[in-house]
């Protein structure tokens, strides 16, 4: 099973999303939260911190992060477990440091998520549940 972590950076009632490149094998041309695979020997929070730095150039404050929910997709060797985290505090200004993976990043108002093509159908409701 593949374990993936994603992070919701929220600021001023908007969440930072990444647009997956149309050339990506998995979930092309859809909006998603930034993140990636947990590597051997990493905790989910270690992987989340690494991925946020690699993809966006930000340093998260791990203690400010809380789990929002989980998704499971596929089966057998293609099974994927996605852990979704809310990141309340970070340093740095997010920029697209992974243009081969994402062709755009954008701050999207939480109220506008329902109108976007999202990787996971429940993503809008999950982020909308944030206080």
N, C-alpha and C. Protein backbone atom coordinates (compact mmCIF):
# COMPACT_ATOMS: atom_id res chain seq x y z
N UNK A 1 0.84 -1.18 0.00
CA UNK A 1 0.00 0.00 0.00
C UNK A 1 0.89 1.24 0.00
N UNK A 2 0.52 2.19 -0.82
CA UNK A 2 1.21 3.47 -0.87
C UNK A 2 0.57 4.41 0.14
N UNK A 3 1.39 5.11 0.92
CA UNK A 3 0.88 6.08 1.87
C UNK A 3 1.27 7.47 1.37
N UNK A 4 0.27 8.33 1.25
CA UNK A 4 0.46 9.69 0.74
C UNK A 4 -0.03 10.67 1.80
N UNK A 5 0.69 11.78 1.95
CA UNK A 5 0.25 12.85 2.83
C UNK A 5 0.00 14.10 1.99
N UNK A 6 -1.04 14.83 2.36
CA UNK A 6 -1.33 16.11 1.72
C UNK A 6 -1.57 17.14 2.81
N UNK A 7 -1.30 18.41 2.47
CA UNK A 7 -1.43 19.46 3.47
C UNK A 7 -2.28 20.62 2.99
N UNK A 8 -3.20 21.05 3.85
CA UNK A 8 -4.05 22.20 3.58
C UNK A 8 -3.48 23.41 4.29
N UNK A 9 -2.83 24.30 3.52
CA UNK A 9 -2.39 25.58 4.05
C UNK A 9 -3.56 26.54 3.85
N UNK A 10 -4.06 27.10 4.95
CA UNK A 10 -5.24 27.95 4.89
C UNK A 10 -4.88 29.34 5.42
N UNK A 11 -5.30 30.35 4.65
CA UNK A 11 -5.01 31.74 5.02
C UNK A 11 -6.15 32.61 4.50
N UNK A 12 -6.72 33.44 5.36
CA UNK A 12 -7.78 34.38 4.96
C UNK A 12 -8.92 33.68 4.21
N UNK A 13 -9.41 32.58 4.75
CA UNK A 13 -10.53 31.82 4.17
C UNK A 13 -10.23 31.26 2.79
N UNK A 14 -8.94 31.05 2.49
CA UNK A 14 -8.54 30.44 1.22
C UNK A 14 -7.55 29.32 1.52
N UNK A 15 -7.56 28.31 0.64
CA UNK A 15 -6.65 27.17 0.78
C UNK A 15 -5.75 27.14 -0.45
N UNK A 16 -4.50 26.76 -0.25
CA UNK A 16 -3.57 26.67 -1.37
C UNK A 16 -3.74 25.33 -2.06
N UNK A 17 -4.05 25.37 -3.35
CA UNK A 17 -4.19 24.16 -4.15
C UNK A 17 -3.12 24.13 -5.24
N UNK A 18 -2.81 22.93 -5.67
CA UNK A 18 -1.89 22.73 -6.80
C UNK A 18 -2.70 22.10 -7.93
N UNK A 19 -2.41 22.50 -9.15
CA UNK A 19 -3.08 21.92 -10.31
C UNK A 19 -2.14 20.87 -10.90
N UNK A 20 -2.60 19.63 -10.90
CA UNK A 20 -1.77 18.52 -11.39
C UNK A 20 -1.64 18.65 -12.91
N UNK A 21 -0.43 18.55 -13.38
CA UNK A 21 -0.14 18.68 -14.80
C UNK A 21 -0.97 17.69 -15.62
N UNK A 22 -1.43 18.11 -16.80
CA UNK A 22 -2.19 17.21 -17.66
C UNK A 22 -1.39 15.99 -18.11
N UNK A 23 -0.07 16.03 -17.97
CA UNK A 23 0.76 14.90 -18.38
C UNK A 23 0.99 13.90 -17.25
N UNK A 24 0.49 14.16 -16.06
CA UNK A 24 0.68 13.24 -14.93
C UNK A 24 -0.07 11.94 -15.19
N UNK A 25 0.52 10.85 -14.78
CA UNK A 25 -0.10 9.53 -14.95
C UNK A 25 -1.33 9.39 -14.05
N UNK A 26 -1.20 9.80 -12.81
CA UNK A 26 -2.31 9.68 -11.86
C UNK A 26 -2.99 11.03 -11.68
N UNK A 27 -4.29 11.04 -11.81
CA UNK A 27 -5.12 12.22 -11.57
C UNK A 27 -4.65 13.46 -12.35
N UNK A 28 -4.49 13.36 -13.65
CA UNK A 28 -4.04 14.52 -14.42
C UNK A 28 -5.11 15.60 -14.51
N UNK A 29 -4.64 16.85 -14.64
CA UNK A 29 -5.50 18.00 -14.93
C UNK A 29 -6.57 18.23 -13.87
N UNK A 30 -6.23 17.98 -12.61
CA UNK A 30 -7.16 18.21 -11.50
C UNK A 30 -6.48 19.03 -10.42
N UNK A 31 -7.27 19.70 -9.61
CA UNK A 31 -6.76 20.46 -8.47
C UNK A 31 -6.66 19.54 -7.26
N UNK A 32 -5.61 19.75 -6.46
CA UNK A 32 -5.36 18.90 -5.30
C UNK A 32 -4.62 19.71 -4.24
N UNK A 33 -4.51 19.13 -3.07
CA UNK A 33 -3.64 19.70 -2.04
C UNK A 33 -2.21 19.26 -2.34
N UNK A 34 -1.22 20.07 -2.00
CA UNK A 34 0.17 19.65 -2.19
C UNK A 34 0.51 18.50 -1.25
N UNK A 35 1.46 17.68 -1.67
CA UNK A 35 1.89 16.57 -0.84
C UNK A 35 2.54 15.49 -1.67
N UNK A 36 2.73 14.34 -1.07
CA UNK A 36 3.37 13.24 -1.79
C UNK A 36 3.51 12.01 -0.93
N UNK A 37 4.29 11.06 -1.43
CA UNK A 37 4.46 9.76 -0.79
C UNK A 37 5.31 9.83 0.47
N UNK A 38 4.93 9.03 1.46
CA UNK A 38 5.73 8.84 2.66
C UNK A 38 6.82 7.84 2.30
N UNK A 39 8.07 8.23 2.55
CA UNK A 39 9.20 7.36 2.23
C UNK A 39 9.51 6.44 3.42
N UNK A 40 10.20 5.35 3.14
CA UNK A 40 10.56 4.39 4.18
C UNK A 40 11.28 5.09 5.32
N UNK A 41 10.86 4.81 6.54
CA UNK A 41 11.49 5.38 7.72
C UNK A 41 10.96 6.75 8.13
N UNK A 42 10.07 7.33 7.35
CA UNK A 42 9.50 8.64 7.67
C UNK A 42 8.17 8.48 8.39
N UNK A 43 7.90 9.41 9.30
CA UNK A 43 6.55 9.53 9.84
C UNK A 43 5.74 10.36 8.85
N UNK A 44 4.43 10.38 9.01
CA UNK A 44 3.61 11.20 8.13
C UNK A 44 3.99 12.68 8.24
N UNK A 45 4.22 13.16 9.46
CA UNK A 45 4.57 14.57 9.62
C UNK A 45 5.94 14.89 9.03
N UNK A 46 6.89 13.98 9.13
CA UNK A 46 8.19 14.20 8.50
C UNK A 46 8.03 14.28 6.98
N UNK A 47 7.23 13.38 6.42
CA UNK A 47 6.99 13.41 4.97
C UNK A 47 6.26 14.68 4.57
N UNK A 48 5.28 15.10 5.37
CA UNK A 48 4.54 16.32 5.07
C UNK A 48 5.47 17.53 5.05
N UNK A 49 6.34 17.62 6.05
CA UNK A 49 7.30 18.73 6.10
C UNK A 49 8.22 18.71 4.89
N UNK A 50 8.72 17.53 4.53
CA UNK A 50 9.62 17.41 3.38
C UNK A 50 8.90 17.80 2.09
N UNK A 51 7.70 17.27 1.90
CA UNK A 51 6.95 17.56 0.68
C UNK A 51 6.58 19.03 0.56
N UNK A 52 6.17 19.67 1.64
CA UNK A 52 5.81 21.09 1.59
C UNK A 52 7.03 21.95 1.23
N UNK A 53 8.20 21.53 1.71
CA UNK A 53 9.41 22.27 1.37
C UNK A 53 9.81 22.01 -0.09
N UNK A 54 9.78 20.74 -0.52
CA UNK A 54 10.17 20.41 -1.89
C UNK A 54 9.22 21.04 -2.92
N UNK A 55 7.93 20.98 -2.67
CA UNK A 55 6.96 21.45 -3.66
C UNK A 55 6.67 22.94 -3.59
N UNK A 56 6.72 23.52 -2.38
CA UNK A 56 6.29 24.91 -2.21
C UNK A 56 7.35 25.83 -1.62
N UNK A 57 8.42 25.25 -1.08
CA UNK A 57 9.47 26.08 -0.48
C UNK A 57 9.11 26.63 0.88
N UNK A 58 8.12 26.05 1.55
CA UNK A 58 7.74 26.51 2.89
C UNK A 58 8.20 25.51 3.93
N UNK A 59 8.39 26.00 5.14
CA UNK A 59 8.73 25.17 6.29
C UNK A 59 7.52 25.17 7.20
N UNK A 60 6.93 23.99 7.41
CA UNK A 60 5.75 23.92 8.26
C UNK A 60 6.16 23.80 9.72
N UNK A 61 5.31 24.27 10.60
CA UNK A 61 5.48 24.06 12.03
C UNK A 61 4.67 22.80 12.35
N UNK A 62 5.38 21.70 12.50
CA UNK A 62 4.71 20.39 12.64
C UNK A 62 3.71 20.38 13.79
N UNK A 63 4.04 21.07 14.88
CA UNK A 63 3.16 21.08 16.05
C UNK A 63 1.84 21.79 15.76
N UNK A 64 1.79 22.59 14.69
CA UNK A 64 0.56 23.31 14.35
C UNK A 64 -0.34 22.48 13.44
N UNK A 65 0.11 21.30 13.05
CA UNK A 65 -0.62 20.49 12.09
C UNK A 65 -1.56 19.52 12.79
N UNK A 66 -2.73 19.34 12.20
CA UNK A 66 -3.70 18.38 12.74
C UNK A 66 -4.33 17.61 11.58
N UNK A 67 -4.63 16.37 11.85
CA UNK A 67 -5.19 15.50 10.81
C UNK A 67 -6.65 15.86 10.56
N UNK A 68 -6.99 16.05 9.27
CA UNK A 68 -8.37 16.34 8.87
C UNK A 68 -9.14 15.09 8.52
N UNK A 69 -8.48 14.14 7.90
CA UNK A 69 -9.17 12.93 7.47
C UNK A 69 -8.29 12.05 6.62
N UNK A 70 -8.89 10.97 6.12
CA UNK A 70 -8.16 9.98 5.33
C UNK A 70 -9.04 9.51 4.18
N UNK A 71 -8.39 9.11 3.09
CA UNK A 71 -9.05 8.47 1.96
C UNK A 71 -8.31 7.19 1.63
N UNK A 72 -9.06 6.24 1.10
CA UNK A 72 -8.47 5.00 0.61
C UNK A 72 -8.95 4.80 -0.81
N UNK A 73 -8.04 4.42 -1.69
CA UNK A 73 -8.40 4.18 -3.09
C UNK A 73 -7.63 2.97 -3.59
N UNK A 74 -8.18 2.31 -4.58
CA UNK A 74 -7.51 1.18 -5.21
C UNK A 74 -7.48 -0.04 -4.31
N UNK A 75 -6.83 -1.09 -4.82
CA UNK A 75 -6.71 -2.32 -4.05
C UNK A 75 -5.41 -3.02 -4.43
N UNK A 76 -5.04 -3.98 -3.60
CA UNK A 76 -3.82 -4.74 -3.86
C UNK A 76 -2.60 -3.85 -3.86
N UNK A 77 -1.70 -4.09 -4.81
CA UNK A 77 -0.46 -3.29 -4.86
C UNK A 77 -0.72 -1.87 -5.32
N UNK A 78 -1.91 -1.59 -5.85
CA UNK A 78 -2.26 -0.23 -6.27
C UNK A 78 -3.02 0.54 -5.19
N UNK A 79 -3.19 -0.06 -4.01
CA UNK A 79 -3.92 0.60 -2.94
C UNK A 79 -3.17 1.84 -2.46
N UNK A 80 -3.93 2.89 -2.21
CA UNK A 80 -3.35 4.15 -1.74
C UNK A 80 -4.13 4.62 -0.51
N UNK A 81 -3.40 5.01 0.51
CA UNK A 81 -3.98 5.63 1.70
C UNK A 81 -3.51 7.08 1.70
N UNK A 82 -4.45 8.02 1.67
CA UNK A 82 -4.13 9.45 1.65
C UNK A 82 -4.52 10.05 2.99
N UNK A 83 -3.55 10.63 3.68
CA UNK A 83 -3.80 11.34 4.94
C UNK A 83 -3.82 12.83 4.64
N UNK A 84 -4.88 13.50 5.05
CA UNK A 84 -5.04 14.93 4.81
C UNK A 84 -4.81 15.68 6.12
N UNK A 85 -3.90 16.64 6.08
CA UNK A 85 -3.52 17.41 7.26
C UNK A 85 -3.83 18.89 7.07
N UNK A 86 -4.25 19.55 8.14
CA UNK A 86 -4.40 21.01 8.15
C UNK A 86 -3.12 21.57 8.75
N UNK A 87 -2.49 22.49 8.05
CA UNK A 87 -1.25 23.12 8.52
C UNK A 87 -1.60 24.55 8.91
N UNK A 88 -1.55 24.83 10.20
CA UNK A 88 -1.97 26.13 10.70
C UNK A 88 -0.85 27.17 10.65
N UNK A 89 0.41 26.71 10.65
CA UNK A 89 1.51 27.67 10.72
C UNK A 89 2.68 27.18 9.87
N UNK A 90 3.26 28.11 9.13
CA UNK A 90 4.41 27.82 8.29
C UNK A 90 5.19 29.11 8.08
N UNK A 91 6.43 28.95 7.60
CA UNK A 91 7.23 30.11 7.24
C UNK A 91 7.58 30.01 5.76
N UNK A 92 7.69 31.16 5.15
CA UNK A 92 7.99 31.21 3.72
C UNK A 92 6.75 31.52 2.92
N UNK A 93 6.98 31.94 1.70
CA UNK A 93 5.89 32.25 0.78
C UNK A 93 5.80 31.14 -0.26
N UNK A 94 4.65 30.44 -0.34
CA UNK A 94 4.55 29.31 -1.26
C UNK A 94 4.78 29.71 -2.71
N UNK A 95 5.63 28.94 -3.37
CA UNK A 95 5.87 29.08 -4.81
C UNK A 95 5.89 27.68 -5.41
N UNK A 96 5.66 27.59 -6.69
CA UNK A 96 5.64 26.29 -7.36
C UNK A 96 7.07 25.85 -7.64
N UNK A 97 7.59 25.00 -6.76
CA UNK A 97 8.95 24.48 -6.92
C UNK A 97 8.96 23.11 -7.59
N UNK A 98 7.79 22.65 -8.06
CA UNK A 98 7.69 21.35 -8.73
C UNK A 98 6.89 21.50 -10.02
N UNK A 99 7.38 22.33 -10.95
CA UNK A 99 6.59 22.58 -12.17
C UNK A 99 6.40 21.34 -13.06
N UNK A 100 7.22 20.30 -12.86
CA UNK A 100 7.01 19.06 -13.61
C UNK A 100 5.80 18.28 -13.08
N UNK A 101 5.42 18.55 -11.83
CA UNK A 101 4.27 17.89 -11.22
C UNK A 101 3.00 18.74 -11.29
N UNK A 102 3.18 20.05 -11.09
CA UNK A 102 2.05 20.97 -11.03
C UNK A 102 2.28 22.11 -12.01
N UNK A 103 1.30 22.38 -12.85
CA UNK A 103 1.47 23.48 -13.79
C UNK A 103 0.94 24.80 -13.25
N UNK A 104 0.35 24.78 -12.03
CA UNK A 104 -0.15 26.01 -11.41
C UNK A 104 -0.38 25.75 -9.93
N UNK A 105 -0.30 26.81 -9.14
CA UNK A 105 -0.75 26.79 -7.76
C UNK A 105 -1.63 28.02 -7.58
N UNK A 106 -2.58 27.94 -6.66
CA UNK A 106 -3.48 29.07 -6.47
C UNK A 106 -4.11 29.03 -5.08
N UNK A 107 -4.32 30.22 -4.52
CA UNK A 107 -5.12 30.35 -3.31
C UNK A 107 -6.57 30.39 -3.76
N UNK A 108 -7.36 29.47 -3.27
CA UNK A 108 -8.77 29.37 -3.67
C UNK A 108 -9.63 29.55 -2.43
N UNK A 109 -10.59 30.45 -2.54
CA UNK A 109 -11.51 30.66 -1.43
C UNK A 109 -12.23 29.35 -1.13
N UNK A 110 -12.34 29.03 0.13
CA UNK A 110 -12.95 27.77 0.54
C UNK A 110 -14.37 27.65 -0.01
N UNK A 111 -15.10 28.75 -0.06
CA UNK A 111 -16.47 28.73 -0.59
C UNK A 111 -16.52 28.43 -2.08
N UNK A 112 -15.40 28.56 -2.80
CA UNK A 112 -15.36 28.33 -4.24
C UNK A 112 -14.87 26.94 -4.64
N UNK A 113 -14.58 26.09 -3.67
CA UNK A 113 -14.02 24.77 -3.98
C UNK A 113 -14.99 23.87 -4.73
N UNK A 114 -16.28 24.00 -4.46
CA UNK A 114 -17.26 23.12 -5.10
C UNK A 114 -17.26 23.24 -6.62
N UNK A 115 -16.83 24.37 -7.17
CA UNK A 115 -16.86 24.57 -8.61
C UNK A 115 -15.62 24.10 -9.34
N UNK A 116 -14.65 23.54 -8.61
CA UNK A 116 -13.39 23.12 -9.24
C UNK A 116 -13.34 21.61 -9.46
N UNK A 117 -12.63 21.18 -10.51
CA UNK A 117 -12.39 19.74 -10.68
C UNK A 117 -11.30 19.31 -9.69
N UNK A 118 -11.72 18.62 -8.63
CA UNK A 118 -10.82 18.22 -7.56
C UNK A 118 -10.49 16.73 -7.65
N UNK A 119 -9.31 16.38 -7.16
CA UNK A 119 -8.87 14.98 -7.16
C UNK A 119 -9.85 14.11 -6.37
N UNK A 120 -10.25 14.58 -5.20
CA UNK A 120 -11.15 13.81 -4.34
C UNK A 120 -12.45 14.57 -4.18
N UNK A 121 -13.56 13.91 -4.43
CA UNK A 121 -14.87 14.55 -4.35
C UNK A 121 -15.19 15.12 -2.98
N UNK A 122 -14.64 14.51 -1.91
CA UNK A 122 -14.93 14.97 -0.56
C UNK A 122 -14.00 16.08 -0.09
N UNK A 123 -13.06 16.48 -0.92
CA UNK A 123 -12.08 17.47 -0.51
C UNK A 123 -12.72 18.80 -0.11
N UNK A 124 -13.68 19.28 -0.88
CA UNK A 124 -14.32 20.56 -0.57
C UNK A 124 -15.01 20.50 0.79
N UNK A 125 -15.72 19.42 1.07
CA UNK A 125 -16.42 19.29 2.36
C UNK A 125 -15.43 19.17 3.50
N UNK A 126 -14.35 18.44 3.29
CA UNK A 126 -13.35 18.27 4.34
C UNK A 126 -12.70 19.60 4.69
N UNK A 127 -12.30 20.36 3.70
CA UNK A 127 -11.67 21.67 3.97
C UNK A 127 -12.72 22.64 4.51
N UNK A 128 -13.94 22.54 4.01
CA UNK A 128 -15.01 23.41 4.50
C UNK A 128 -15.36 23.17 5.96
N UNK A 129 -14.95 22.03 6.51
CA UNK A 129 -15.23 21.73 7.91
C UNK A 129 -14.24 22.40 8.88
N UNK A 130 -13.23 23.06 8.32
CA UNK A 130 -12.26 23.75 9.17
C UNK A 130 -12.93 24.91 9.88
N UNK A 131 -12.53 25.17 11.12
CA UNK A 131 -13.12 26.32 11.84
C UNK A 131 -12.73 27.64 11.20
